[in-house]
Amino acid sequence: MQALHTNSSRAQRGFTLIEIMVVVVIIGVLGAIVVPQFMSRPDQAKVTAAKIDIQAIATALEMYRLDNHQYPSTQQNLEALIKRPSGMPAARNWNPQGYLKSMPVDPWGSPYQYLNPGVHAIDGGYDLFSLGSDGAVGGEGHAAEIGNWSP
C-alpha cells in the first residue's frame, strides 16, 4: 500500500515558474490581438443600427409620398411622419395614424437629418442621414455621415 502512495505523490507534481510565465505571456499576446477587435465592434454596430433606422424612415417617407403625392419639405421635416404637418406642400391625405410611432434618434443620440431636395439625391429626391459619431458635418470612418446615398 505504501508503494501506491509513493507513486501518486510523484504524479501530483506542480507547474514550474517558467511554465506559468509562458502561459501568462500567451494570454497577454492573445489579449493584445483580440481586445482591439472587440473594442471596434460597438462602432460598427452603431453604424449598422443607423443604416437600419435610415431604411425604416425611408420606408415611412415612401408611404407619406404615396398618400400625399410628394415628400415633406425640409421645413416640415421628419416630424411630418408623426404629426400632420402645416405649411407647404399641404398633406391633404395625411394618415391620421401617422407613419412612424416616434422619431428615432441616431445611435449617438442626435436627430436624423432630412433635406428635400437633397444634395446627394438622384432625380430630385431627398437626403436622409446621420451626422455620425462626431455629430458634425464631415469626418471619416465612424465620424462620417451615414445616409440614404451610402452603400
Protein backbone atom coordinates (compact mmCIF):
# COMPACT_ATOMS: atom_id res chain seq x y z
CA MET A 1 0.00 0.00 0.00
CA GLN A 2 2.81 2.31 0.70
CA ALA A 3 4.08 1.85 -2.84
CA LEU A 4 0.81 3.26 -4.20
CA HIS A 5 1.15 6.34 -2.03
CA THR A 6 4.69 6.99 -3.27
CA ASN A 7 3.65 6.74 -6.95
CA SER A 8 0.70 9.11 -6.52
CA SER A 9 2.84 11.80 -4.87
CA ARG A 10 5.16 11.78 -7.87
CA ALA A 11 2.10 12.25 -10.20
CA GLN A 12 0.98 15.37 -8.30
CA ARG A 13 3.91 17.44 -9.42
CA GLY A 14 3.06 21.20 -9.84
CA PHE A 15 3.80 23.65 -12.64
CA THR A 16 7.18 25.30 -12.78
CA LEU A 17 7.55 29.06 -12.74
CA ILE A 18 8.65 29.01 -16.38
CA GLU A 19 5.53 27.11 -17.47
CA ILE A 20 3.30 29.62 -15.68
CA MET A 21 5.21 32.54 -17.24
CA VAL A 22 4.79 31.04 -20.74
CA VAL A 23 1.02 30.71 -20.21
CA VAL A 24 0.77 34.31 -18.94
CA VAL A 25 2.72 35.59 -21.96
CA ILE A 26 0.47 33.63 -24.36
CA ILE A 27 -2.66 35.03 -22.69
CA GLY A 28 -1.17 38.54 -22.88
CA VAL A 29 -0.40 38.19 -26.60
CA LEU A 30 -3.89 36.86 -27.32
CA GLY A 31 -5.40 39.71 -25.31
CA ALA A 32 -3.38 42.28 -27.24
CA ILE A 33 -4.69 40.87 -30.51
CA VAL A 34 -8.32 40.11 -29.57
CA VAL A 35 -9.29 43.07 -27.34
CA PRO A 36 -8.82 45.77 -30.02
CA GLN A 37 -11.01 43.72 -32.36
CA PHE A 38 -13.85 43.72 -29.84
CA MET A 39 -13.36 47.38 -28.97
CA SER A 40 -14.09 48.44 -32.57
CA ARG A 41 -17.26 46.36 -32.80
CA PRO A 42 -19.52 48.81 -30.90
CA ASP A 43 -18.81 51.48 -33.53
CA GLN A 44 -19.62 49.05 -36.33
CA ALA A 45 -22.84 48.08 -34.56
CA LYS A 46 -23.85 51.74 -34.27
CA VAL A 47 -23.21 52.34 -37.98
CA THR A 48 -25.34 49.29 -38.83
CA ALA A 49 -28.11 50.47 -36.49
CA ALA A 50 -28.08 53.90 -38.16
CA LYS A 51 -28.39 52.31 -41.61
CA ILE A 52 -31.35 50.22 -40.44
CA ASP A 53 -33.05 53.30 -38.93
CA ILE A 54 -32.50 55.22 -42.18
CA GLN A 55 -34.12 52.40 -44.15
CA ALA A 56 -37.12 52.38 -41.79
CA ILE A 57 -37.54 56.17 -42.02
CA ALA A 58 -37.15 55.99 -45.82
CA THR A 59 -39.98 53.42 -45.93
CA ALA A 60 -42.18 55.76 -43.88
CA LEU A 61 -41.29 58.62 -46.25
CA GLU A 62 -42.36 56.48 -49.21
CA MET A 63 -45.71 55.77 -47.53
CA TYR A 64 -46.11 59.52 -46.92
CA ARG A 65 -45.33 60.22 -50.58
CA LEU A 66 -47.83 57.62 -51.77
CA ASP A 67 -50.58 59.24 -49.66
CA ASN A 68 -49.66 62.89 -50.34
CA HIS A 69 -48.02 62.70 -53.81
CA GLN A 70 -44.78 64.29 -52.57
CA TYR A 71 -42.29 64.14 -49.73
CA PRO A 72 -42.44 66.61 -46.84
CA SER A 73 -40.41 69.78 -47.30
CA THR A 74 -37.21 70.42 -45.38
CA GLN A 75 -39.17 72.87 -43.19
CA GLN A 76 -41.86 70.26 -42.43
CA ASN A 77 -39.02 67.88 -41.63
CA LEU A 78 -39.37 64.29 -40.45
CA GLU A 79 -41.93 65.37 -37.85
CA ALA A 80 -44.42 65.14 -40.75
CA LEU A 81 -44.18 61.38 -40.30
CA ILE A 82 -45.52 61.60 -36.74
CA LYS A 83 -47.99 64.51 -36.75
CA ARG A 84 -49.85 66.27 -39.55
CA PRO A 85 -47.56 68.94 -40.98
CA SER A 86 -48.52 72.53 -41.59
CA GLY A 87 -47.16 74.64 -44.41
CA MET A 88 -46.47 73.74 -47.98
CA PRO A 89 -46.72 71.31 -49.57
CA ALA A 90 -50.08 70.54 -47.99
CA ALA A 91 -50.55 66.99 -46.70
CA ARG A 92 -54.13 66.52 -47.92
CA ASN A 93 -54.23 62.74 -47.48
CA TRP A 94 -52.11 62.53 -44.34
CA ASN A 95 -52.70 59.26 -42.48
CA PRO A 96 -54.25 60.05 -39.06
CA GLN A 97 -52.26 57.18 -37.55
CA GLY A 98 -49.00 58.72 -38.73
CA TYR A 99 -46.19 56.92 -40.49
CA LEU A 100 -43.89 56.36 -37.51
CA LYS A 101 -44.83 55.89 -33.87
CA SER A 102 -41.93 58.04 -32.70
CA MET A 103 -38.95 59.70 -34.24
CA PRO A 104 -35.81 57.63 -33.75
CA VAL A 105 -32.56 59.31 -32.87
CA ASP A 106 -29.30 58.01 -34.25
CA PRO A 107 -27.18 55.64 -32.14
CA TRP A 108 -25.13 58.61 -30.90
CA GLY A 109 -28.24 60.39 -29.57
CA SER A 110 -28.64 63.02 -32.33
CA PRO A 111 -31.69 63.52 -34.55
CA TYR A 112 -31.59 62.23 -38.11
CA GLN A 113 -31.16 64.96 -40.73
CA TYR A 114 -33.52 65.49 -43.69
CA LEU A 115 -33.15 67.70 -46.76
CA ASN A 116 -35.66 67.95 -49.60
CA PRO A 117 -34.42 68.41 -52.24
CA GLY A 118 -31.26 66.65 -51.25
CA VAL A 119 -27.66 67.38 -52.17
CA HIS A 120 -26.76 63.72 -52.72
CA ALA A 121 -30.18 62.66 -54.02
CA ILE A 122 -30.73 61.39 -57.52
CA ASP A 123 -33.68 62.78 -59.54
CA GLY A 124 -34.63 65.50 -57.05
CA GLY A 125 -35.15 63.14 -54.13
CA TYR A 126 -34.28 63.74 -50.52
CA ASP A 127 -31.24 63.24 -48.30
CA LEU A 128 -31.78 61.35 -45.05
CA PHE A 129 -28.73 60.95 -42.86
CA SER A 130 -26.97 60.76 -39.51
CA LEU A 131 -24.01 63.00 -38.82
CA GLY A 132 -22.10 60.04 -37.39
CA SER A 133 -20.25 59.68 -34.10
CA ASP A 134 -18.93 63.25 -34.00
CA GLY A 135 -22.32 64.89 -34.66
CA ALA A 136 -20.77 67.27 -37.20
CA VAL A 137 -20.66 67.56 -40.97
CA GLY A 138 -17.63 65.84 -42.47
CA GLY A 139 -15.40 63.35 -40.79
CA GLU A 140 -14.01 59.99 -41.67
CA GLY A 141 -14.67 56.43 -40.59
CA HIS A 142 -17.32 56.25 -37.87
CA ALA A 143 -17.45 60.06 -37.72
CA ALA A 144 -18.58 60.32 -41.37
CA GLU A 145 -22.18 60.90 -42.39
CA ILE A 146 -24.30 57.81 -42.90
CA GLY A 147 -27.05 58.50 -45.41
CA ASN A 148 -29.56 57.04 -47.81
CA TRP A 149 -26.92 57.54 -50.52
CA SER A 150 -24.33 55.46 -48.60
CA PRO A 151 -23.67 51.85 -49.64
